Amino acid sequence: LEKRIFVPLPDVEARAHILKKLLPEGRAVSNLPYEKIASLTDGYSGSDIHVICKESAMVPVRKLLARLEAGEEKITYENLEPVTYE
């Protein structure tokens, strides 16, 4: 028999904690308003927030890949833009 376990959606504090855990402040993340993002994601599951963080982290990488495809040769880690709210 199949078992199903109901797990409620995370509240605003839990969503902020998930965001901070997946996108910690540092070189790659710049001044994210975690609480604001958490309030905007009401009704999102932990899995939904994980996907948002993953896609957000890919934005700077995609920009960097576009620069490489355009023929820019000297690209370093310092050229990688941080993840921002925008």
N, C-alpha and C. Protein backbone atom coordinates (compact mmCIF):
# COMPACT_ATOMS: atom_id res chain seq x y z
N LEU A 1 0.82 -1.18 0.00
CA LEU A 1 0.00 0.00 0.00
C LEU A 1 0.87 1.26 0.00
N GLU A 2 0.36 2.23 -0.68
CA GLU A 2 1.07 3.50 -0.76
C GLU A 2 0.83 4.32 0.50
N LYS A 3 1.87 4.97 0.98
CA LYS A 3 1.72 5.86 2.12
C LYS A 3 1.92 7.29 1.64
N ARG A 4 1.09 8.16 2.13
CA ARG A 4 1.23 9.56 1.81
C ARG A 4 1.38 10.33 3.11
N ILE A 5 2.33 11.22 3.11
CA ILE A 5 2.58 12.04 4.29
C ILE A 5 2.36 13.49 3.88
N PHE A 6 1.46 14.15 4.59
CA PHE A 6 1.18 15.55 4.30
C PHE A 6 2.24 16.42 4.95
N VAL A 7 2.90 17.22 4.15
CA VAL A 7 3.88 18.18 4.64
C VAL A 7 3.36 19.55 4.27
N PRO A 8 3.05 20.38 5.25
CA PRO A 8 2.50 21.70 4.93
C PRO A 8 3.54 22.58 4.22
N LEU A 9 3.03 23.58 3.53
CA LEU A 9 3.93 24.52 2.85
C LEU A 9 4.68 25.33 3.90
N PRO A 10 5.91 25.73 3.59
CA PRO A 10 6.69 26.51 4.56
C PRO A 10 6.07 27.89 4.77
N ASP A 11 6.16 28.37 6.03
CA ASP A 11 5.70 29.72 6.32
C ASP A 11 6.77 30.72 5.89
N VAL A 12 6.50 32.00 6.10
CA VAL A 12 7.41 33.04 5.60
C VAL A 12 8.81 32.92 6.21
N GLU A 13 8.88 32.58 7.50
CA GLU A 13 10.20 32.43 8.14
C GLU A 13 10.96 31.25 7.55
N ALA A 14 10.25 30.16 7.31
CA ALA A 14 10.90 28.98 6.73
C ALA A 14 11.36 29.26 5.30
N ARG A 15 10.55 29.98 4.54
CA ARG A 15 10.96 30.31 3.16
C ARG A 15 12.20 31.21 3.17
N ALA A 16 12.25 32.18 4.08
CA ALA A 16 13.44 33.04 4.19
C ALA A 16 14.66 32.21 4.56
N HIS A 17 14.49 31.25 5.47
CA HIS A 17 15.61 30.38 5.87
C HIS A 17 16.09 29.54 4.69
N ILE A 18 15.16 29.00 3.91
CA ILE A 18 15.53 28.20 2.73
C ILE A 18 16.31 29.07 1.74
N LEU A 19 15.83 30.28 1.51
CA LEU A 19 16.52 31.19 0.58
C LEU A 19 17.93 31.50 1.06
N LYS A 20 18.08 31.77 2.36
CA LYS A 20 19.40 32.08 2.92
C LYS A 20 20.33 30.88 2.82
N LYS A 21 19.77 29.69 2.96
CA LYS A 21 20.58 28.48 2.89
C LYS A 21 21.03 28.19 1.45
N LEU A 22 20.13 28.40 0.49
CA LEU A 22 20.45 28.08 -0.90
C LEU A 22 21.22 29.20 -1.61
N LEU A 23 21.01 30.45 -1.20
CA LEU A 23 21.71 31.59 -1.80
C LEU A 23 22.35 32.41 -0.68
N PRO A 24 23.41 31.89 -0.05
CA PRO A 24 24.02 32.61 1.07
C PRO A 24 24.75 33.87 0.60
N GLU A 25 24.74 34.89 1.47
CA GLU A 25 25.47 36.13 1.17
C GLU A 25 26.94 35.81 0.97
N GLY A 26 27.54 36.49 0.05
CA GLY A 26 28.96 36.29 -0.23
C GLY A 26 29.32 36.87 -1.57
N ARG A 27 30.39 36.40 -2.15
CA ARG A 27 30.89 36.90 -3.42
C ARG A 27 29.87 36.71 -4.55
N ALA A 28 29.14 35.61 -4.53
CA ALA A 28 28.23 35.30 -5.63
C ALA A 28 26.82 35.84 -5.42
N VAL A 29 26.52 36.32 -4.21
CA VAL A 29 25.19 36.83 -3.90
C VAL A 29 25.33 38.21 -3.28
N SER A 30 24.57 39.17 -3.80
CA SER A 30 24.73 40.54 -3.35
C SER A 30 23.42 41.13 -2.83
N ASN A 31 23.37 41.41 -1.54
CA ASN A 31 22.27 42.15 -0.90
C ASN A 31 20.87 41.68 -1.28
N LEU A 32 20.61 40.41 -1.13
CA LEU A 32 19.27 39.92 -1.43
C LEU A 32 18.32 40.24 -0.28
N PRO A 33 17.14 40.78 -0.58
CA PRO A 33 16.14 41.01 0.48
C PRO A 33 15.37 39.71 0.76
N TYR A 34 15.97 38.82 1.53
CA TYR A 34 15.41 37.50 1.76
C TYR A 34 13.96 37.55 2.26
N GLU A 35 13.69 38.46 3.22
CA GLU A 35 12.35 38.53 3.78
C GLU A 35 11.33 38.99 2.73
N LYS A 36 11.72 39.91 1.87
CA LYS A 36 10.82 40.38 0.82
C LYS A 36 10.53 39.25 -0.17
N ILE A 37 11.57 38.54 -0.57
CA ILE A 37 11.38 37.42 -1.50
C ILE A 37 10.52 36.35 -0.84
N ALA A 38 10.75 36.09 0.45
CA ALA A 38 9.97 35.10 1.18
C ALA A 38 8.50 35.49 1.21
N SER A 39 8.20 36.76 1.39
CA SER A 39 6.80 37.18 1.42
C SER A 39 6.16 37.11 0.04
N LEU A 40 6.95 37.28 -1.01
CA LEU A 40 6.42 37.20 -2.38
C LEU A 40 6.18 35.75 -2.83
N THR A 41 6.74 34.81 -2.11
CA THR A 41 6.63 33.40 -2.51
C THR A 41 5.62 32.64 -1.66
N ASP A 42 4.61 33.34 -1.15
CA ASP A 42 3.55 32.69 -0.38
C ASP A 42 2.88 31.61 -1.24
N GLY A 43 2.73 30.43 -0.70
CA GLY A 43 2.12 29.33 -1.44
C GLY A 43 3.13 28.46 -2.18
N TYR A 44 4.41 28.82 -2.13
CA TYR A 44 5.45 28.04 -2.79
C TYR A 44 5.93 26.92 -1.86
N SER A 45 6.26 25.80 -2.44
CA SER A 45 6.83 24.70 -1.66
C SER A 45 8.35 24.89 -1.56
N GLY A 46 8.97 24.09 -0.72
CA GLY A 46 10.43 24.13 -0.62
C GLY A 46 11.08 23.79 -1.96
N SER A 47 10.46 22.86 -2.68
CA SER A 47 10.96 22.47 -4.00
C SER A 47 10.85 23.63 -4.99
N ASP A 48 9.74 24.36 -4.93
CA ASP A 48 9.57 25.53 -5.80
C ASP A 48 10.65 26.57 -5.54
N ILE A 49 10.94 26.82 -4.28
CA ILE A 49 11.97 27.80 -3.91
C ILE A 49 13.34 27.32 -4.36
N HIS A 50 13.58 26.02 -4.28
CA HIS A 50 14.85 25.46 -4.74
C HIS A 50 15.04 25.74 -6.23
N VAL A 51 13.99 25.56 -7.02
CA VAL A 51 14.06 25.82 -8.46
C VAL A 51 14.32 27.31 -8.74
N ILE A 52 13.66 28.18 -7.99
CA ILE A 52 13.87 29.63 -8.15
C ILE A 52 15.32 29.99 -7.87
N CYS A 53 15.87 29.45 -6.80
CA CYS A 53 17.27 29.73 -6.45
C CYS A 53 18.22 29.21 -7.51
N LYS A 54 17.96 28.02 -8.01
CA LYS A 54 18.81 27.43 -9.04
C LYS A 54 18.80 28.27 -10.31
N GLU A 55 17.61 28.68 -10.74
CA GLU A 55 17.49 29.51 -11.94
C GLU A 55 18.13 30.88 -11.72
N SER A 56 17.96 31.45 -10.54
CA SER A 56 18.57 32.75 -10.24
C SER A 56 20.09 32.67 -10.28
N ALA A 57 20.64 31.58 -9.78
CA ALA A 57 22.08 31.40 -9.79
C ALA A 57 22.62 31.21 -11.21
N MET A 58 21.78 30.74 -12.12
CA MET A 58 22.22 30.52 -13.50
C MET A 58 22.24 31.80 -14.34
N VAL A 59 21.54 32.85 -13.91
CA VAL A 59 21.49 34.09 -14.70
C VAL A 59 22.90 34.65 -14.94
N PRO A 60 23.75 34.83 -13.91
CA PRO A 60 25.10 35.33 -14.17
C PRO A 60 25.93 34.38 -15.03
N VAL A 61 25.72 33.09 -14.87
CA VAL A 61 26.47 32.11 -15.67
C VAL A 61 26.07 32.23 -17.15
N ARG A 62 24.78 32.39 -17.41
CA ARG A 62 24.33 32.54 -18.80
C ARG A 62 24.89 33.81 -19.43
N LYS A 63 24.97 34.89 -18.64
CA LYS A 63 25.56 36.14 -19.15
C LYS A 63 27.04 35.92 -19.49
N LEU A 64 27.72 35.19 -18.63
CA LEU A 64 29.13 34.90 -18.85
C LEU A 64 29.31 34.03 -20.10
N LEU A 65 28.45 33.04 -20.28
CA LEU A 65 28.53 32.19 -21.47
C LEU A 65 28.27 32.99 -22.74
N ALA A 66 27.36 33.95 -22.67
CA ALA A 66 27.09 34.80 -23.84
C ALA A 66 28.34 35.61 -24.20
N ARG A 67 29.05 36.09 -23.18
CA ARG A 67 30.28 36.83 -23.44
C ARG A 67 31.34 35.93 -24.07
N LEU A 68 31.42 34.69 -23.61
CA LEU A 68 32.37 33.74 -24.19
C LEU A 68 32.03 33.45 -25.64
N GLU A 69 30.75 33.26 -25.91
CA GLU A 69 30.31 32.98 -27.29
C GLU A 69 30.55 34.17 -28.21
N ALA A 70 30.55 35.37 -27.63
CA ALA A 70 30.79 36.57 -28.41
C ALA A 70 32.27 36.75 -28.73
N GLY A 71 33.11 35.90 -28.16
CA GLY A 71 34.53 35.95 -28.49
C GLY A 71 35.41 36.59 -27.45
N GLU A 72 34.86 36.99 -26.33
CA GLU A 72 35.68 37.57 -25.27
C GLU A 72 36.58 36.47 -24.71
N GLU A 73 37.86 36.74 -24.67
CA GLU A 73 38.80 35.68 -24.31
C GLU A 73 39.19 35.66 -22.84
N LYS A 74 39.40 36.83 -22.25
CA LYS A 74 39.89 36.84 -20.88
C LYS A 74 38.72 37.04 -19.91
N ILE A 75 38.26 35.93 -19.39
CA ILE A 75 37.17 35.96 -18.42
C ILE A 75 37.64 35.21 -17.18
N THR A 76 37.47 35.86 -16.03
CA THR A 76 37.88 35.26 -14.76
C THR A 76 36.69 35.21 -13.82
N TYR A 77 36.89 34.63 -12.67
CA TYR A 77 35.84 34.54 -11.66
C TYR A 77 35.35 35.93 -11.26
N GLU A 78 36.26 36.90 -11.26
CA GLU A 78 35.89 38.26 -10.90
C GLU A 78 34.91 38.87 -11.89
N ASN A 79 34.86 38.35 -13.12
CA ASN A 79 33.93 38.83 -14.14
C ASN A 79 32.51 38.33 -13.92
N LEU A 80 32.34 37.36 -13.04
CA LEU A 80 31.01 36.79 -12.81
C LEU A 80 30.21 37.75 -11.94
N GLU A 81 29.05 38.17 -12.44
CA GLU A 81 28.19 39.08 -11.69
C GLU A 81 27.53 38.33 -10.54
N PRO A 82 27.24 39.02 -9.45
CA PRO A 82 26.55 38.34 -8.35
C PRO A 82 25.06 38.15 -8.65
N VAL A 83 24.44 37.25 -7.93
CA VAL A 83 22.99 37.08 -8.01
C VAL A 83 22.37 38.27 -7.28
N THR A 84 21.42 38.95 -7.91
CA THR A 84 20.78 40.10 -7.31
C THR A 84 19.27 39.92 -7.33
N TYR A 85 18.56 40.78 -6.63
CA TYR A 85 17.10 40.73 -6.58
C TYR A 85 16.49 40.94 -7.96
N GLU A 86 17.07 41.82 -8.72
CA GLU A 86 16.55 42.11 -10.06
C GLU A 86 16.56 40.88 -10.92
